Amino acid sequence: MNVRVVLLSVLVAAAGAVAWYVTDTSVYTQTMEPEPLVDNFVTGLDQLDTIEVETAEGLVFRANRQDQEWLATHLDEEQSFPVNQSRLSTMVSRILNAKVIEHKTSKAENYHLLGVANLGQDDADSTLLTLSSKDKEWQVLVGNMAKSQRGTFVRLPGKQASLLIDNRVRLPHAGSDWLARQVLPFTAEELQGIRFTKGNNTSLLLMRSEQTAEWEVVQVDNRPIEVAPERLAYPGVIEQAVKDLTEFRYLDVRAYFPAQWQQQDPVGQVTFTLANERTVTAHLATTAELNQYRVWFDYPDAGHWLSGWVFEVSGYQGRAFTLALDDLTDNT
């Protein structure tokens, strides 16, 4: 074998071994017993007022507590969005209860191997977590997950020693990661009717039967119609279509501005009628992204936050809002 090839292979293997040693073995500054990562601070989520997550690229996530509810405030200066409190609670609990099980490297040139470099450092891929109460603030740089041990590398800002804690800490990578996923103010069971409209034309109207409470097609292209059960594509196809609408899933969210929405290319509308006769209208528009849509919900309840946001959705979710009779019937 070529001597140069052998020498290169040895050097590569040695470099890999060094990187593994720094990131995943016991590089102690001293022998120690497990000790708390957080000391003399709060003991739970309910004692915090603000949580922020930052990377070198800027603010990723900010949430403020209002009474017992956490609201995301990083998306818009004036509007807030409900947070997935389960994820928030889990993260805070793991941080507050974490134990330091190893002291790792104190050399700044090795911080990037653990993902705990200062945010201002070139190529920093760390995440700065800030927990704030009314009169206290605590910060930690959260790095990579340990590969051979269940834990996370962290470093306290201003401290040289990087640490390995015994809990895996997951933080949001995008602004929409930790937002509440349940956004519609109703469920399928609360609906009485769903009207699909294009321009001034009711392309499809679904109503729940007063006798059986089953969903029926009652109107197509502004004309009354009866669809025999045997014409449907399969039993329960209408119920599945309703489920696809009400189990609404979105990819991203942005604040709603009327002037901007007027510039969108409209696709159609879906009006949901609730049992109490209240209505919520979803407006669907195309986007510049292939196979994606935008949805804005016009909800007349002035106290509800839903109408303040525009949702980016996948093609699959968007097509649920363009339902047609052919999607429900067997055309073979």
Protein backbone atom coordinates (compact mmCIF):
# COMPACT_ATOMS: atom_id res chain seq x y z
CA MET A 1 0.00 0.00 0.00
CA ASN A 2 1.20 3.54 -0.75
CA VAL A 3 3.04 4.93 2.30
CA ARG A 4 1.39 8.33 1.88
CA VAL A 5 -2.07 6.75 1.93
CA VAL A 6 -1.24 4.84 5.11
CA LEU A 7 0.14 7.98 6.79
CA LEU A 8 -2.92 10.02 5.77
CA SER A 9 -5.25 7.33 7.15
CA VAL A 10 -3.41 7.33 10.47
CA LEU A 11 -3.62 11.12 10.74
CA VAL A 12 -7.35 11.13 9.97
CA ALA A 13 -8.01 8.40 12.54
CA ALA A 14 -5.97 10.25 15.13
CA ALA A 15 -7.84 13.50 14.52
CA GLY A 16 -11.14 11.69 14.88
CA ALA A 17 -10.00 10.09 18.10
CA VAL A 18 -8.98 13.47 19.53
CA ALA A 19 -12.34 15.01 18.62
CA TRP A 20 -14.19 12.05 20.21
CA TYR A 21 -12.06 12.33 23.34
CA VAL A 22 -12.75 16.04 23.76
CA THR A 23 -16.46 15.73 23.14
CA ASP A 24 -17.37 12.45 24.74
CA THR A 25 -14.94 11.32 27.42
CA SER A 26 -14.14 12.45 30.91
CA VAL A 27 -12.00 15.57 30.54
CA TYR A 28 -12.12 16.54 34.20
CA THR A 29 -10.79 19.69 35.75
CA GLN A 30 -11.27 17.93 39.05
CA THR A 31 -12.83 14.81 40.50
CA MET A 32 -16.33 15.68 41.60
CA GLU A 33 -19.67 14.42 42.78
CA PRO A 34 -22.76 15.45 40.78
CA GLU A 35 -23.80 18.98 41.68
CA PRO A 36 -26.75 21.20 40.64
CA LEU A 37 -26.33 23.22 37.46
CA VAL A 38 -28.70 25.92 38.77
CA ASP A 39 -28.23 27.20 42.28
CA ASN A 40 -30.15 29.85 44.25
CA PHE A 41 -32.65 30.61 41.50
CA VAL A 42 -36.27 29.66 40.87
CA THR A 43 -37.65 26.14 41.33
CA GLY A 44 -40.29 25.97 38.59
CA LEU A 45 -41.83 27.44 35.45
CA ASP A 46 -44.50 29.27 37.44
CA GLN A 47 -41.80 31.44 39.06
CA LEU A 48 -40.45 32.69 35.72
CA ASP A 49 -41.70 35.64 33.71
CA THR A 50 -39.66 35.52 30.49
CA ILE A 51 -37.80 32.85 28.54
CA GLU A 52 -35.53 33.66 25.59
CA VAL A 53 -33.61 31.47 23.16
CA GLU A 54 -30.89 33.05 20.99
CA THR A 55 -28.33 31.82 18.48
CA ALA A 56 -25.56 33.63 16.63
CA GLU A 57 -28.15 34.51 13.98
CA GLY A 58 -30.39 36.31 16.48
CA LEU A 59 -33.47 35.77 18.62
CA VAL A 60 -35.22 32.46 17.93
CA PHE A 61 -37.87 32.40 20.63
CA ARG A 62 -39.22 34.60 23.40
CA ALA A 63 -42.14 33.86 25.70
CA ASN A 64 -43.71 35.95 28.44
CA ARG A 65 -45.99 34.71 31.19
CA GLN A 66 -49.37 36.38 31.58
CA ASP A 67 -51.08 34.97 34.66
CA GLN A 68 -50.76 31.21 34.08
CA GLU A 69 -50.48 31.37 30.28
CA TRP A 70 -47.27 31.64 28.28
CA LEU A 71 -47.36 33.70 25.08
CA ALA A 72 -44.73 33.93 22.36
CA THR A 73 -43.69 37.53 21.69
CA HIS A 74 -40.81 37.05 19.22
CA LEU A 75 -43.00 36.87 16.11
CA ASP A 76 -44.38 40.39 16.18
CA GLU A 77 -43.84 43.53 18.24
CA GLU A 78 -47.53 44.00 19.06
CA GLN A 79 -49.15 40.56 18.89
CA SER A 80 -48.53 37.38 20.83
CA PHE A 81 -49.16 33.71 20.06
CA PRO A 82 -49.93 30.86 22.50
CA VAL A 83 -46.99 28.62 23.37
CA ASN A 84 -46.76 24.85 23.60
CA GLN A 85 -46.54 24.85 27.39
CA SER A 86 -45.74 21.14 27.60
CA ARG A 87 -42.47 21.62 25.71
CA LEU A 88 -41.68 24.76 27.66
CA SER A 89 -42.34 23.08 31.00
CA THR A 90 -40.26 20.01 30.10
CA MET A 91 -37.27 22.11 29.06
CA VAL A 92 -37.36 24.31 32.17
CA SER A 93 -37.74 21.29 34.45
CA ARG A 94 -34.75 19.54 32.87
CA ILE A 95 -32.59 22.64 33.21
CA LEU A 96 -33.58 23.44 36.79
CA ASN A 97 -33.12 19.82 37.90
CA ALA A 98 -29.96 19.11 35.93
CA LYS A 99 -26.84 17.85 37.69
CA VAL A 100 -23.30 18.55 36.48
CA ILE A 101 -21.66 15.14 36.14
CA GLU A 102 -18.39 16.14 34.44
CA HIS A 103 -16.22 19.20 33.93
CA LYS A 104 -15.05 19.24 30.30
CA THR A 105 -12.59 21.40 28.38
CA SER A 106 -11.77 24.94 29.54
CA LYS A 107 -9.95 25.81 26.31
CA ALA A 108 -11.83 28.34 24.20
CA GLU A 109 -10.44 26.84 20.99
CA ASN A 110 -12.23 23.56 21.81
CA TYR A 111 -15.62 25.06 22.70
CA HIS A 112 -16.89 24.58 19.15
CA LEU A 113 -16.43 20.80 19.48
CA LEU A 114 -19.02 20.81 22.25
CA GLY A 115 -21.20 23.57 20.76
CA VAL A 116 -20.69 25.93 23.71
CA ALA A 117 -18.77 28.83 22.13
CA ASN A 118 -19.85 32.41 22.80
CA LEU A 119 -22.47 33.62 20.33
CA GLY A 120 -20.12 36.31 19.02
CA GLN A 121 -17.43 33.79 18.15
CA ASP A 122 -16.94 32.83 14.49
CA ASP A 123 -19.00 29.80 13.44
CA ALA A 124 -20.62 29.55 16.90
CA ASP A 125 -23.42 26.97 16.88
CA SER A 126 -24.35 27.27 20.55
CA THR A 127 -27.72 28.41 21.88
CA LEU A 128 -28.06 30.96 24.67
CA LEU A 129 -30.96 30.26 27.03
CA THR A 130 -32.08 33.09 29.32
CA LEU A 131 -34.53 32.51 32.17
CA SER A 132 -35.86 35.61 33.91
CA SER A 133 -38.03 36.21 36.95
CA LYS A 134 -39.10 39.59 38.29
CA ASP A 135 -35.80 40.27 40.01
CA LYS A 136 -33.37 37.61 38.75
CA GLU A 137 -31.85 36.40 35.49
CA TRP A 138 -29.95 33.21 34.74
CA GLN A 139 -28.22 32.21 31.50
CA VAL A 140 -26.57 29.13 30.04
CA LEU A 141 -25.01 28.26 26.69
CA VAL A 142 -26.53 24.98 25.54
CA GLY A 143 -24.46 22.84 23.19
CA ASN A 144 -24.44 19.40 21.67
CA MET A 145 -25.95 16.21 23.02
CA ALA A 146 -23.38 13.78 24.41
CA LYS A 147 -23.08 10.76 22.13
CA SER A 148 -22.02 8.03 24.57
CA GLN A 149 -23.82 9.39 27.63
CA ARG A 150 -27.33 10.69 28.13
CA GLY A 151 -26.70 14.35 28.68
CA THR A 152 -25.97 17.77 27.18
CA PHE A 153 -22.85 19.92 27.04
CA VAL A 154 -23.35 23.41 28.50
CA ARG A 155 -21.30 26.35 29.68
CA LEU A 156 -22.21 29.23 31.94
CA PRO A 157 -21.44 32.60 30.24
CA GLY A 158 -18.28 34.14 31.65
CA LYS A 159 -17.03 30.78 32.95
CA GLN A 160 -14.18 28.90 31.30
CA ALA A 161 -15.14 25.32 32.14
CA SER A 162 -17.61 23.56 29.87
CA LEU A 163 -19.86 21.07 31.61
CA LEU A 164 -21.73 17.85 30.95
CA ILE A 165 -25.15 17.68 32.60
CA ASP A 166 -27.22 14.56 33.07
CA ASN A 167 -30.35 15.76 31.22
CA ARG A 168 -30.98 16.08 27.52
CA VAL A 169 -32.11 19.64 26.81
CA ARG A 170 -33.92 20.36 23.56
CA LEU A 171 -34.50 23.93 22.42
CA PRO A 172 -36.42 25.38 19.47
CA HIS A 173 -34.48 25.85 16.22
CA ALA A 174 -37.11 27.91 14.42
CA GLY A 175 -39.57 30.58 15.52
CA SER A 176 -42.60 28.31 15.10
CA ASP A 177 -41.18 25.19 16.80
CA TRP A 178 -42.67 25.79 20.25
CA LEU A 179 -45.93 27.45 19.29
CA ALA A 180 -49.28 25.89 20.24
CA ARG A 181 -50.43 23.52 17.52
CA GLN A 182 -54.14 23.54 18.39
CA VAL A 183 -55.30 26.89 17.01
CA LEU A 184 -58.90 26.50 15.84
CA PRO A 185 -61.52 27.66 18.38
CA PHE A 186 -63.77 24.67 17.63
CA THR A 187 -63.72 20.92 17.03
CA ALA A 188 -65.42 18.77 14.39
CA GLU A 189 -68.12 17.83 16.91
CA GLU A 190 -69.16 21.47 17.30
CA LEU A 191 -69.76 22.06 13.59
CA GLN A 192 -73.14 22.08 11.85
CA GLY A 193 -72.11 23.16 8.36
CA ILE A 194 -69.10 23.81 6.11
CA ARG A 195 -69.44 25.98 3.00
CA PHE A 196 -66.73 26.01 0.30
CA THR A 197 -66.84 29.19 -1.80
CA LYS A 198 -65.01 30.40 -4.90
CA GLY A 199 -65.90 33.98 -5.74
CA ASN A 200 -69.70 34.20 -5.40
CA ASN A 201 -70.17 30.51 -6.09
CA THR A 202 -70.82 27.94 -3.37
CA SER A 203 -68.86 25.08 -4.87
CA LEU A 204 -69.79 22.68 -2.07
CA LEU A 205 -71.93 22.74 1.06
CA LEU A 206 -71.76 20.07 3.75
CA MET A 207 -74.36 19.93 6.50
CA ARG A 208 -74.89 17.67 9.47
CA SER A 209 -78.22 15.86 9.23
CA GLU A 210 -80.75 16.84 11.90
CA GLN A 211 -82.07 13.28 11.98
CA THR A 212 -78.86 11.22 12.01
CA ALA A 213 -76.17 13.82 12.84
CA GLU A 214 -74.24 12.40 9.87
CA TRP A 215 -72.55 14.67 7.35
CA GLU A 216 -74.25 15.09 3.97
CA VAL A 217 -73.59 16.91 0.70
CA VAL A 218 -76.53 19.31 0.25
CA GLN A 219 -75.36 21.81 -2.35
CA VAL A 220 -72.94 21.94 -5.32
CA ASP A 221 -72.36 25.02 -7.48
CA ASN A 222 -75.25 26.86 -5.83
CA ARG A 223 -77.67 23.99 -6.63
CA PRO A 224 -79.30 21.67 -4.08
CA ILE A 225 -78.19 18.07 -4.48
CA GLU A 226 -78.59 14.66 -2.85
CA VAL A 227 -75.71 12.22 -2.98
CA ALA A 228 -76.68 8.61 -2.37
CA PRO A 229 -74.40 6.78 0.09
CA GLU A 230 -73.39 4.28 -2.61
CA ARG A 231 -71.96 7.12 -4.70
CA LEU A 232 -69.48 8.08 -2.01
CA ALA A 233 -65.88 6.97 -2.47
CA TYR A 234 -66.04 5.00 0.79
CA PRO A 235 -68.04 5.02 4.03
CA GLY A 236 -66.96 7.93 6.22
CA VAL A 237 -65.29 9.90 3.42
CA ILE A 238 -67.11 13.12 4.39
CA GLU A 239 -66.20 12.65 8.05
CA GLN A 240 -62.56 12.21 7.02
CA ALA A 241 -62.70 15.42 4.96
CA VAL A 242 -64.06 17.30 7.98
CA LYS A 243 -61.31 15.82 10.13
CA ASP A 244 -58.66 16.97 7.64
CA LEU A 245 -59.98 20.51 8.05
CA THR A 246 -60.42 20.66 11.80
CA GLU A 247 -57.17 18.87 12.68
CA PHE A 248 -55.44 21.88 11.20
CA ARG A 249 -51.66 21.66 10.84
CA TYR A 250 -49.41 24.56 9.90
CA LEU A 251 -45.75 24.94 8.97
CA ASP A 252 -45.15 28.55 9.93
CA VAL A 253 -47.01 31.66 11.03
CA ARG A 254 -46.73 35.40 10.49
CA ALA A 255 -48.65 38.44 11.69
CA TYR A 256 -51.71 39.43 9.64
CA PHE A 257 -51.72 42.83 7.96
CA PRO A 258 -54.83 43.62 5.85
CA ALA A 259 -52.91 45.52 3.16
CA GLN A 260 -50.49 42.62 2.67
CA TRP A 261 -53.27 40.05 2.58
CA GLN A 262 -55.10 42.00 -0.13
CA GLN A 263 -52.09 41.41 -2.37
CA GLN A 264 -52.35 37.62 -2.07
CA ASP A 265 -53.65 35.45 -4.89
CA PRO A 266 -56.95 34.08 -3.50
CA VAL A 267 -57.95 30.46 -4.02
CA GLY A 268 -61.24 30.29 -2.11
CA GLN A 269 -62.98 30.44 1.24
CA VAL A 270 -64.32 27.93 3.73
CA THR A 271 -66.98 29.05 6.21
CA PHE A 272 -67.49 26.93 9.31
CA THR A 273 -70.88 27.24 11.02
CA LEU A 274 -70.95 26.22 14.67
CA ALA A 275 -73.88 24.81 16.60
CA ASN A 276 -74.41 28.20 18.23
CA GLU A 277 -74.74 29.74 14.72
CA ARG A 278 -71.42 31.55 15.01
CA THR A 279 -69.17 31.39 11.94
CA VAL A 280 -65.43 31.28 11.26
CA THR A 281 -64.25 31.88 7.69
CA ALA A 282 -60.94 30.58 6.39
CA HIS A 283 -59.44 32.46 3.43
CA LEU A 284 -57.01 30.47 1.29
CA ALA A 285 -54.28 31.94 -0.91
CA THR A 286 -51.32 30.60 -2.88
CA THR A 287 -47.69 31.36 -2.02
CA ALA A 288 -44.46 31.68 -3.95
CA GLU A 289 -43.40 28.35 -2.46
CA LEU A 290 -44.26 25.30 -4.54
CA ASN A 291 -47.10 23.21 -3.13
CA GLN A 292 -47.82 25.51 -0.17
CA TYR A 293 -50.70 27.80 0.80
CA ARG A 294 -51.52 30.58 3.24
CA VAL A 295 -54.63 30.57 5.41
CA TRP A 296 -56.14 33.47 7.31
CA PHE A 297 -59.12 32.89 9.63
CA ASP A 298 -61.68 35.66 9.95
CA TYR A 299 -63.14 35.13 13.41
CA PRO A 300 -65.52 37.86 14.64
CA ASP A 301 -64.77 37.26 18.33
CA ALA A 302 -62.78 40.40 19.14
CA GLY A 303 -61.24 38.78 22.21
CA HIS A 304 -59.65 35.92 20.28
CA TRP A 305 -56.13 36.03 18.86
CA LEU A 306 -56.68 33.75 15.83
CA SER A 307 -57.49 36.48 13.29
CA GLY A 308 -54.21 38.24 13.98
CA TRP A 309 -52.17 35.58 12.20
CA VAL A 310 -51.61 34.09 8.74
CA PHE A 311 -50.64 30.41 8.61
CA GLU A 312 -48.32 28.79 6.09
CA VAL A 313 -49.56 25.27 5.35
CA SER A 314 -48.51 22.31 3.24
CA GLY A 315 -50.13 21.41 -0.05
CA TYR A 316 -51.94 18.52 1.62
CA GLN A 317 -53.44 20.78 4.29
CA GLY A 318 -54.25 23.47 1.76
CA ARG A 319 -56.08 21.08 -0.55
CA ALA A 320 -58.39 20.17 2.31
CA PHE A 321 -59.74 23.73 1.97
CA THR A 322 -60.45 23.24 -1.76
CA LEU A 323 -62.65 20.16 -1.36
CA ALA A 324 -64.93 19.34 -4.33
CA LEU A 325 -67.66 16.80 -4.95
CA ASP A 326 -65.29 14.69 -7.06
CA ASP A 327 -63.05 14.27 -4.00
CA LEU A 328 -65.92 12.61 -2.14
CA THR A 329 -67.50 10.41 -4.80
CA ASP A 330 -66.49 7.28 -6.66
CA ASN A 331 -66.02 8.32 -10.27
CA THR A 332 -65.02 4.92 -11.63
